C-alpha atoms as a PDB file:
ATOM      1  CA  MET A   1     -36.709  34.363  13.493  1.00  0.00           C
ATOM      2  CA  LYS A   2     -37.015  31.036  11.989  1.00  0.00           C
ATOM      3  CA  LYS A   3     -35.222  32.452   8.768  1.00  0.00           C
ATOM      4  CA  LEU A   4     -32.337  34.225  10.996  1.00  0.00           C
ATOM      5  CA  PHE A   5     -31.897  30.588  12.427  1.00  0.00           C
ATOM      6  CA  SER A   6     -31.658  29.402   8.968  1.00  0.00           C
ATOM      7  CA  ILE A   7     -28.995  31.991   7.753  1.00  0.00           C
ATOM      8  CA  LEU A   8     -27.584  31.435  11.479  1.00  0.00           C
ATOM      9  CA  PHE A   9     -27.378  27.815  10.576  1.00  0.00           C
ATOM     10  CA  ILE A  10     -25.845  27.963   7.003  1.00  0.00           C
ATOM     11  CA  VAL A  11     -23.048  30.496   8.566  1.00  0.00           C
ATOM     12  CA  LEU A  12     -21.894  27.837  10.733  1.00  0.00           C
ATOM     13  CA  ALA A  13     -22.128  25.023   8.716  1.00  0.00           C
ATOM     14  CA  ALA A  14     -19.869  26.564   6.152  1.00  0.00           C
ATOM     15  CA  SER A  15     -17.467  27.468   8.967  1.00  0.00           C
ATOM     16  CA  VAL A  16     -16.768  23.942   9.644  1.00  0.00           C
ATOM     17  CA  HIS A  17     -13.468  22.508   8.841  1.00  0.00           C
ATOM     18  CA  VAL A  18     -13.760  19.131   7.668  1.00  0.00           C
ATOM     19  CA  THR A  19     -11.640  16.381   8.899  1.00  0.00           C
ATOM     20  CA  GLY A  20     -11.221  13.142   8.243  1.00  0.00           C
ATOM     21  CA  GLN A  21     -12.331  10.418  10.949  1.00  0.00           C
ATOM     22  CA  ILE A  22     -10.195   7.626  12.131  1.00  0.00           C
ATOM     23  CA  VAL A  23     -12.918   5.139  11.289  1.00  0.00           C
ATOM     24  CA  ALA A  24     -12.276   0.600  11.097  1.00  0.00           C
ATOM     25  CA  ASP A  25     -12.256  -0.001   7.094  1.00  0.00           C
ATOM     26  CA  LYS A  26     -14.775  -2.671   6.452  1.00  0.00           C
ATOM     27  CA  SER A  27     -13.133  -4.869   4.118  1.00  0.00           C
ATOM     28  CA  THR A  28      -9.508  -5.514   6.464  1.00  0.00           C
ATOM     29  CA  LYS A  29     -11.052  -4.275   9.758  1.00  0.00           C
ATOM     30  CA  LYS A  30      -8.002  -1.444  10.149  1.00  0.00           C
ATOM     31  CA  TYR A  31      -8.510   1.509  11.371  1.00  0.00           C
ATOM     32  CA  ILE A  32      -7.476   4.185   8.735  1.00  0.00           C
ATOM     33  CA  VAL A  33      -7.710   7.748   8.285  1.00  0.00           C
ATOM     34  CA  THR A  34      -9.055   8.970   4.727  1.00  0.00           C
ATOM     35  CA  LEU A  35     -11.364  11.581   3.143  1.00  0.00           C
ATOM     36  CA  PRO A  36     -14.464  11.649   4.451  1.00  0.00           C
ATOM     37  CA  GLU A  37     -17.274   9.847   1.992  1.00  0.00           C
ATOM     38  CA  ASP A  38     -19.231  12.693   1.120  1.00  0.00           C
ATOM     39  CA  VAL A  39     -15.215  14.175  -0.152  1.00  0.00           C
ATOM     40  CA  GLU A  40     -14.054  12.579  -3.437  1.00  0.00           C
ATOM     41  CA  THR A  41     -11.041  13.871  -3.727  1.00  0.00           C
ATOM     42  CA  MET A  42      -8.906  17.062  -2.376  1.00  0.00           C
ATOM     43  CA  SER A  43      -7.560  19.146  -5.300  1.00  0.00           C
ATOM     44  CA  VAL A  44      -4.778  21.749  -5.837  1.00  0.00           C
ATOM     45  CA  SER A  45      -4.518  24.620  -8.203  1.00  0.00           C
ATOM     46  CA  ARG A  46      -2.911  23.093 -11.306  1.00  0.00           C
ATOM     47  CA  ALA A  47      -0.600  20.320 -11.592  1.00  0.00           C
ATOM     48  CA  GLY A  48       0.964  18.365 -14.975  1.00  0.00           C
ATOM     49  CA  SER A  49       0.385  14.609 -15.435  1.00  0.00           C
ATOM     50  CA  GLY A  50       2.654  12.319 -12.819  1.00  0.00           C
ATOM     51  CA  GLU A  51       4.286  16.084 -11.361  1.00  0.00           C
ATOM     52  CA  LEU A  52       1.646  16.092  -7.880  1.00  0.00           C
ATOM     53  CA  ILE A  53       2.673  12.821  -6.958  1.00  0.00           C
ATOM     54  CA  ASN A  54       6.196  13.853  -7.197  1.00  0.00           C
ATOM     55  CA  ARG A  55       5.838  17.248  -5.033  1.00  0.00           C
ATOM     56  CA  PHE A  56       4.371  15.213  -2.123  1.00  0.00           C
ATOM     57  CA  TYR A  57       7.525  12.763  -2.653  1.00  0.00           C
ATOM     58  CA  TYR A  58      10.055  15.417  -2.059  1.00  0.00           C
ATOM     59  CA  TRP A  59       7.428  16.815   0.473  1.00  0.00           C
ATOM     60  CA  ALA A  60       7.571  14.009   2.559  1.00  0.00           C
ATOM     61  CA  MET A  61      11.132  13.099   2.252  1.00  0.00           C
ATOM     62  CA  ASP A  62      11.949  16.573   4.251  1.00  0.00           C
ATOM     63  CA  GLU A  63       8.745  16.133   6.400  1.00  0.00           C
ATOM     64  CA  PHE A  64       9.643  13.000   7.949  1.00  0.00           C
ATOM     65  CA  SER A  65      13.767  13.533   7.575  1.00  0.00           C
ATOM     66  CA  ASP A  66      14.492  13.232  11.719  1.00  0.00           C
ATOM     67  CA  TYR A  67      12.609  10.140  11.637  1.00  0.00           C
ATOM     68  CA  LYS A  68      12.555   6.273  11.020  1.00  0.00           C
ATOM     69  CA  HIS A  69      10.829   6.441   7.238  1.00  0.00           C
ATOM     70  CA  SER A  70      10.810   4.779   3.790  1.00  0.00           C
ATOM     71  CA  ILE A  71       9.010   5.848   0.568  1.00  0.00           C
ATOM     72  CA  GLN A  72       7.847   4.373  -2.151  1.00  0.00           C
ATOM     73  CA  ARG A  73       7.413   5.666  -5.367  1.00  0.00           C
ATOM     74  CA  ASP A  74       4.659   4.203  -8.136  1.00  0.00           C
ATOM     75  CA  ASP A  75       6.722   3.344 -11.517  1.00  0.00           C
ATOM     76  CA  THR A  76       4.067   1.958 -12.830  1.00  0.00           C
ATOM     77  CA  LEU A  77       0.976   4.459 -13.202  1.00  0.00           C
ATOM     78  CA  PHE A  78       3.953   6.840 -11.714  1.00  0.00           C
ATOM     79  CA  ARG A  79       0.469   8.295  -9.302  1.00  0.00           C
ATOM     80  CA  GLY A  80       1.463   6.429  -6.191  1.00  0.00           C
ATOM     81  CA  LEU A  81       3.241   6.893  -3.580  1.00  0.00           C
ATOM     82  CA  VAL A  82       3.446   4.915  -0.011  1.00  0.00           C
ATOM     83  CA  VAL A  83       5.139   6.418   3.071  1.00  0.00           C
ATOM     84  CA  ASN A  84       6.075   4.463   6.104  1.00  0.00           C
ATOM     85  CA  VAL A  85       6.727   6.870   9.071  1.00  0.00           C
ATOM     86  CA  SER A  86       7.477   5.825  13.052  1.00  0.00           C
ATOM     87  CA  GLN A  87       6.619   9.302  14.425  1.00  0.00           C
ATOM     88  CA  PRO A  88       7.537  10.053  18.140  1.00  0.00           C
ATOM     89  CA  ILE A  89       4.462  11.973  20.019  1.00  0.00           C
ATOM     90  CA  LEU A  90       4.742  13.421  23.465  1.00  0.00           C
ATOM     91  CA  LYS A  91       3.452  12.207  26.530  1.00  0.00           C
ATOM     92  CA  LYS A  92       0.418  11.656  27.536  1.00  0.00           C
ATOM     93  CA  VAL A  93      -1.843  12.005  29.839  1.00  0.00           C
ATOM     94  CA  PHE A  94      -5.517  10.763  29.776  1.00  0.00           C
ATOM     95  CA  GLY A  95      -8.689  10.843  31.460  1.00  0.00           C
ATOM     96  CA  VAL A  96      -8.867   7.826  32.714  1.00  0.00           C
ATOM     97  CA  GLY A  97      -5.608   8.169  35.075  1.00  0.00           C
ATOM     98  CA  TYR A  98      -3.149   6.317  32.546  1.00  0.00           C
ATOM     99  CA  THR A  99      -0.284   8.037  31.371  1.00  0.00           C
ATOM    100  CA  HIS A 100       1.711   7.186  28.252  1.00  0.00           C
ATOM    101  CA  THR A 101       5.414   7.997  27.624  1.00  0.00           C
ATOM    102  CA  ASP A 102       8.379   7.260  25.227  1.00  0.00           C
ATOM    103  CA  ARG A 103       5.201   7.049  22.753  1.00  0.00           C
ATOM    104  CA  ILE A 104       5.540   5.869  19.176  1.00  0.00           C
ATOM    105  CA  LEU A 105       3.234   5.906  16.267  1.00  0.00           C
ATOM    106  CA  THR A 106       3.760   3.969  13.222  1.00  0.00           C
ATOM    107  CA  TYR A 107       2.059   4.067  10.124  1.00  0.00           C
ATOM    108  CA  ASP A 108       0.969   4.061   6.302  1.00  0.00           C
ATOM    109  CA  LEU A 109       0.577   7.112   4.494  1.00  0.00           C
ATOM    110  CA  ILE A 110      -0.888   5.883   1.002  1.00  0.00           C
ATOM    111  CA  LEU A 111      -1.054   8.395  -1.744  1.00  0.00           C
ATOM    112  CA  ASP A 112      -2.798   8.696  -4.793  1.00  0.00           C
ATOM    113  CA  ALA A 113      -2.838  11.339  -7.220  1.00  0.00           C
ATOM    114  CA  ASP A 114      -4.447  11.922 -10.619  1.00  0.00           C
ATOM    115  CA  LYS A 115      -2.990  15.793 -12.550  1.00  0.00           C
ATOM    116  CA  LYS A 116      -4.266  17.284 -10.153  1.00  0.00           C
ATOM    117  CA  ASP A 117      -7.016  15.405  -7.677  1.00  0.00           C
ATOM    118  CA  TYR A 118      -5.138  13.190  -5.031  1.00  0.00           C
ATOM    119  CA  THR A 119      -6.802  11.231  -1.973  1.00  0.00           C
ATOM    120  CA  TYR A 120      -4.609  10.194   1.122  1.00  0.00           C
ATOM    121  CA  THR A 121      -5.468   7.579   3.383  1.00  0.00           C
ATOM    122  CA  PHE A 122      -3.750   6.798   6.602  1.00  0.00           C
ATOM    123  CA  THR A 123      -3.575   2.714   7.596  1.00  0.00           C
ATOM    124  CA  ASN A 124      -1.577  -0.237   9.439  1.00  0.00           C
ATOM    125  CA  PHE A 125      -1.270   1.801  12.479  1.00  0.00           C
ATOM    126  CA  HIS A 126       0.844   0.231  15.401  1.00  0.00           C
ATOM    127  CA  TYR A 127       1.080   2.197  18.810  1.00  0.00           C
ATOM    128  CA  LYS A 128       4.403   1.044  21.033  1.00  0.00           C
ATOM    129  CA  SER A 129       4.213   3.088  24.583  1.00  0.00           C
ATOM    130  CA  LYS A 130       5.276   2.821  28.034  1.00  0.00           C
ATOM    131  CA  GLN A 131       1.934   2.960  29.966  1.00  0.00           C
ATOM    132  CA  THR A 132       1.481   3.912  34.144  1.00  0.00           C
ATOM    133  CA  SER A 133      -1.635   3.230  35.750  1.00  0.00           C
ATOM    134  CA  PRO A 134      -3.082   5.330  38.252  1.00  0.00           C
ATOM    135  CA  ASP A 135      -1.726   3.091  40.980  1.00  0.00           C
ATOM    136  CA  GLY A 136       1.755   3.357  39.792  1.00  0.00           C
ATOM    137  CA  GLU A 137       2.027  -0.241  37.605  1.00  0.00           C
ATOM    138  CA  GLU A 138       3.827  -0.126  34.602  1.00  0.00           C
ATOM    139  CA  ALA A 139       3.110  -1.968  31.289  1.00  0.00           C
ATOM    140  CA  MET A 140       4.629  -2.320  27.687  1.00  0.00           C
ATOM    141  CA  ILE A 141       2.188  -1.469  24.803  1.00  0.00           C
ATOM    142  CA  ASP A 142       3.513  -2.768  20.882  1.00  0.00           C
ATOM    143  CA  VAL A 143       0.135  -3.863  19.314  1.00  0.00           C
ATOM    144  CA  ALA A 144      -1.411  -2.713  16.510  1.00  0.00           C
ATOM    145  CA  LEU A 145      -4.440  -0.046  16.877  1.00  0.00           C
ATOM    146  CA  GLU A 146      -7.133  -2.636  16.157  1.00  0.00           C
ATOM    147  CA  GLU A 147      -5.440  -4.933  19.570  1.00  0.00           C
ATOM    148  CA  PHE A 148      -5.348  -1.878  21.780  1.00  0.00           C
ATOM    149  CA  LYS A 149      -7.819  -3.029  24.801  1.00  0.00           C
ATOM    150  CA  GLY A 150      -6.704  -0.421  27.043  1.00  0.00           C
ATOM    151  CA  ALA A 151      -9.669   2.577  28.978  1.00  0.00           C
ATOM    152  CA  GLU A 152      -7.945   5.077  26.916  1.00  0.00           C
ATOM    153  CA  LYS A 153      -8.366   4.107  23.698  1.00  0.00           C
ATOM    154  CA  ARG A 154     -11.345   6.087  22.558  1.00  0.00           C
ATOM    155  CA  SER A 155      -9.049   9.174  23.251  1.00  0.00           C
ATOM    156  CA  LEU A 156      -6.077   7.591  21.913  1.00  0.00           C
ATOM    157  CA  LEU A 157      -7.971   7.313  18.442  1.00  0.00           C
ATOM    158  CA  ASN A 158      -9.276  10.605  18.528  1.00  0.00           C
ATOM    159  CA  GLU A 159      -5.506  11.754  19.290  1.00  0.00           C
ATOM    160  CA  ILE A 160      -4.214  10.135  16.299  1.00  0.00           C
ATOM    161  CA  ALA A 161      -7.015  11.463  14.178  1.00  0.00           C
ATOM    162  CA  GLU A 162      -6.001  15.189  15.281  1.00  0.00           C
ATOM    163  CA  GLU A 163      -2.257  13.952  14.041  1.00  0.00           C
ATOM    164  CA  ALA A 164      -3.122  12.370  10.806  1.00  0.00           C
ATOM    165  CA  ASN A 165      -5.527  15.446   9.813  1.00  0.00           C
ATOM    166  CA  ALA A 166      -2.339  18.174  11.023  1.00  0.00           C
ATOM    167  CA  ILE A 167      -0.576  16.040   8.207  1.00  0.00           C
ATOM    168  CA  VAL A 168      -3.317  16.688   6.018  1.00  0.00           C
ATOM    169  CA  GLU A 169      -3.226  20.055   6.255  1.00  0.00           C
ATOM    170  CA  LYS A 170       0.575  20.175   5.270  1.00  0.00           C
ATOM    171  CA  LEU A 171      -0.612  18.068   2.098  1.00  0.00           C
ATOM    172  CA  LYS A 172      -2.631  20.673   1.446  1.00  0.00           C
ATOM    173  CA  VAL A 173      -0.031  23.183   1.249  1.00  0.00           C
ATOM    174  CA  ALA A 174       3.108  20.838  -0.093  1.00  0.00           C
ATOM    175  CA  GLY A 175       0.548  20.100  -3.059  1.00  0.00           C
ATOM    176  CA  GLU A 176       0.747  23.700  -3.974  1.00  0.00           C
ATOM    177  CA  VAL A 177       4.638  23.417  -4.506  1.00  0.00           C
ATOM    178  CA  GLU A 178       6.277  23.166  -7.546  1.00  0.00           C
ATOM    179  CA  LEU A 179       9.073  21.545  -8.137  1.00  0.00           C
ATOM    180  CA  SER A 180      12.818  23.281  -8.788  1.00  0.00           C
ATOM    181  CA  GLU A 181      14.702  22.541 -11.839  1.00  0.00           C
ATOM    182  CA  GLU A 182      16.812  20.112 -10.140  1.00  0.00           C
ATOM    183  CA  GLN A 183      13.571  18.051  -8.544  1.00  0.00           C
ATOM    184  CA  GLU A 184      12.560  17.969 -12.114  1.00  0.00           C
ATOM    185  CA  ALA A 185      15.439  16.930 -13.821  1.00  0.00           C
ATOM    186  CA  GLU A 186      15.723  13.898 -11.373  1.00  0.00           C
ATOM    187  CA  SER A 187      12.118  12.765 -11.761  1.00  0.00           C
ATOM    188  CA  SER A 188      12.068  12.547 -15.161  1.00  0.00           C
ATOM    189  CA  GLU A 189      15.411  10.970 -14.914  1.00  0.00           C
ATOM    190  CA  TRP A 190      13.619   8.720 -12.353  1.00  0.00           C
ATOM    191  CA  ARG A 191      10.655   8.270 -14.424  1.00  0.00           C
ATOM    192  CA  ASP A 192      12.572   6.974 -17.507  1.00  0.00           C
ATOM    193  CA  THR A 193      14.682   5.062 -15.804  1.00  0.00           C
ATOM    194  CA  ARG A 194      11.763   2.955 -14.386  1.00  0.00           C
ATOM    195  CA  LYS A 195      10.545   2.851 -17.847  1.00  0.00           C
ATOM    196  CA  GLU A 196      13.570   1.240 -19.186  1.00  0.00           C
ATOM    197  CA  ALA A 197      13.953  -1.234 -16.504  1.00  0.00           C
ATOM    198  CA  ARG A 198      10.264  -2.207 -16.677  1.00  0.00           C
ATOM    199  CA  ALA A 199      10.234  -2.346 -20.674  1.00  0.00           C
ATOM    200  CA  ALA A 200      13.549  -4.568 -20.133  1.00  0.00           C
ATOM    201  CA  ALA A 201      11.932  -6.791 -17.162  1.00  0.00           C
ATOM    202  CA  GLN A 202       9.067  -7.008 -19.611  1.00  0.00           C
ATOM    203  CA  LYS A 203      10.849  -8.031 -22.933  1.00  0.00           C
ATOM    204  CA  ALA A 204      13.015 -10.146 -20.440  1.00  0.00           C
ATOM    205  CA  ALA A 205       9.863 -12.527 -18.719  1.00  0.00           C
ATOM    206  CA  ALA A 206       8.631 -12.587 -22.694  1.00  0.00           C
ATOM    207  CA  GLN A 207      11.606 -14.450 -23.865  1.00  0.00           C
ATOM    208  CA  ALA A 208      11.827 -16.614 -20.802  1.00  0.00           C
ATOM    209  CA  LYS A 209       8.047 -17.326 -21.528  1.00  0.00           C
ATOM    210  CA  LYS A 210       8.259 -18.006 -25.217  1.00  0.00           C
ATOM    211  CA  GLU A 211      11.456 -20.515 -24.465  1.00  0.00           C
ATOM    212  CA  ALA A 212       9.680 -22.351 -21.587  1.00  0.00           C
ATOM    213  CA  GLU A 213       6.953 -22.704 -24.057  1.00  0.00           C
ATOM    214  CA  ALA A 214       9.704 -24.268 -26.349  1.00  0.00           C
ATOM    215  CA  ALA A 215      11.263 -26.130 -23.808  1.00  0.00           C
ATOM    216  CA  ALA A 216       7.080 -27.739 -22.920  1.00  0.00           C
ATOM    217  CA  LYS A 217       6.530 -28.220 -26.765  1.00  0.00           C
ATOM    218  CA  LYS A 218       9.993 -30.271 -27.420  1.00  0.00           C
ATOM    219  CA  ALA A 219       9.465 -32.353 -24.278  1.00  0.00           C
ATOM    220  CA  ALA A 220       5.992 -33.272 -25.035  1.00  0.00           C
ATOM    221  CA  LYS A 221       7.420 -34.465 -28.498  1.00  0.00           C
ATOM    222  CA  GLU A 222      10.142 -36.301 -27.649  1.00  0.00           C
ATOM    223  CA  LYS A 223       7.471 -37.799 -24.773  1.00  0.00           C
ATOM    224  CA  ALA A 224       5.271 -39.300 -27.346  1.00  0.00           C
ATOM    225  CA  LYS A 225       7.583 -40.035 -29.627  1.00  0.00           C
ATOM    226  CA  ALA A 226       8.995 -42.360 -26.973  1.00  0.00           C
ATOM    227  CA  GLU A 227       5.173 -43.470 -25.761  1.00  0.00           C
ATOM    228  CA  ARG A 228       5.077 -44.158 -29.676  1.00  0.00           C
ATOM    229  CA  GLU A 229       8.407 -46.316 -29.951  1.00  0.00           C
ATOM    230  CA  ALA A 230       7.605 -47.976 -26.323  1.00  0.00           C
ATOM    231  CA  ALA A 231       4.163 -48.949 -28.349  1.00  0.00           C
ATOM    232  CA  LYS A 232       5.488 -50.383 -31.681  1.00  0.00           C
ATOM    233  CA  GLU A 233       8.606 -52.164 -29.089  1.00  0.00           C
ATOM    234  CA  ALA A 234       5.457 -53.896 -26.774  1.00  0.00           C
ATOM    235  CA  ALA A 235       3.449 -54.778 -29.944  1.00  0.00           C
ATOM    236  CA  ALA A 236       6.904 -56.029 -31.390  1.00  0.00           C
ATOM    237  CA  LYS A 237       7.390 -58.266 -28.559  1.00  0.00           C
ATOM    238  CA  ALA A 238       3.405 -59.248 -28.683  1.00  0.00           C
ATOM    239  CA  ARG A 239       3.794 -60.584 -31.868  1.00  0.00           C
ATOM    240  CA  GLU A 240       6.950 -62.496 -31.527  1.00  0.00           C
ATOM    241  CA  ALA A 241       5.343 -64.024 -28.385  1.00  0.00           C
ATOM    242  CA  ALA A 242       1.897 -65.208 -30.084  1.00  0.00           C
ATOM    243  CA  LYS A 243       4.432 -66.768 -32.736  1.00  0.00           C
ATOM    244  CA  GLY A 244       6.254 -68.657 -29.959  1.00  0.00           C
ATOM    245  CA  GLY A 245       3.226 -69.779 -28.687  1.00  0.00           C
ATOM    246  CA  GLY A 246       1.258 -70.871 -31.603  1.00  0.00           C
ATOM    247  CA  GLY A 247       4.487 -72.964 -32.859  1.00  0.00           C
ATOM    248  CA  GLN A 248       4.117 -74.983 -29.461  1.00  0.00           C
ATOM    249  CA  GLU A 249       0.744 -76.046 -30.201  1.00  0.00           C
ATOM    250  CA  ASN A 250       1.471 -77.341 -33.640  1.00  0.00           C
ATOM    251  CA  GLU A 251       4.185 -79.592 -31.957  1.00  0.00           C
END
């Protein structure tokens, strides 16, 4: 019986779908949804260097096209993506009797991809809603999630975690979708353009630094020269004064 129980436990454990939990980040104190502690990265079956993050870029453009959003691609290492989304969510009647309508959840989805491995983090949650209490009193909520103090907070956090994990499931699918020829061409052109722009900016910064150092060196030399000339002039005046003083004593 004990052996049968152990086998059953292993089967059940293997069937559990691992999802990210919403927790407070220890350093920032902000709520985040990210990989479970025992999972370092997610992976796709295959992807070339720099390709996976572009798969997520084009997925995000389509996935959030109906919402207010912005997407920023990392143009330094070409492996990061930050998606800011303001997403409407459905009316909710919480178990404590509060009803939330006209709901908007805003958050950042941060992705980092290295070849075929990637990580995700949902953070900077902001919640906006009209809240109706059990006795019909209405109030507007418009706060960072950390600042929400309502009795329904635990249920709200669980709901947000479910929303985030639904997106994670879509990420798993999106990561396997290879780029079209048009997307590959656009990505390559964008990458080359950003590299050229960064190289030009670095060259301009280096030139500006060189010119600033030269100007500072010249200014220092001119200051030192002026100080020497001032010292010589002061010494000459002192000698003249000494001569004049000596003549008066002789008289």
